[in-house]
């Protein structure tokens, strides 16, 4: 039987889920009787989590591009701390379910129980808070670990969109695409991704920059 482990990568969680999880891990590991030699001090993790929460709150209230970037940078730092802690928890917990769960981290799902994500629905491009930006949104897909979206602002000779490289995000709302050029029509498609692979692309939506 495959040994139970906790998830290593939490960067794909939505911001609210990520905030809740990180706070739970801090509470669970503070004074933990088994996980006593953590690779990241609980006090350091707590400080970084509090910084992330404050930056997330600013960014979620229509923050500037700089504030959104600061939030994403801090989320990446906290994710790296959680990854190091998860490695340690898996080693010390040694597959014992109760020990692993006591860390506050998430147990890996049984591979057979996680299907490929369904098609992403209700993709949308809307005007951003600033003139040269769009907001990218879509519905949450069950079992998705993260989402990829592509933007096109031109067609090939057959009239098919020429898609950009994929942008990755863990959030279904608050994603910003910039800069956009006035009077250019942009197209968007989105798909969900997990360990089994990627789901189907959403229907293509478009918006003309104003």
Foldseek 3Di string as FASTA:
>chain_A
DDFKAFDQFQQLAALVVLLVLLVQLLVLPVVPPQLDPAPDDSVRSVVLSVVLVVLVVCLVVQHDPVSVVVNSVSSVVSSNSSNSRRVVQCVRVVRVVVSNVSSSTHMDDDVVVADAWAEWEDWDWADGPDQFKIWTATDDIPNFSKKWKWKFQDADPVRHTDTDPIDIHSHRTSDMDDGHDAQTKMKMWMWGADPNGIYDIYDIDIDGRD
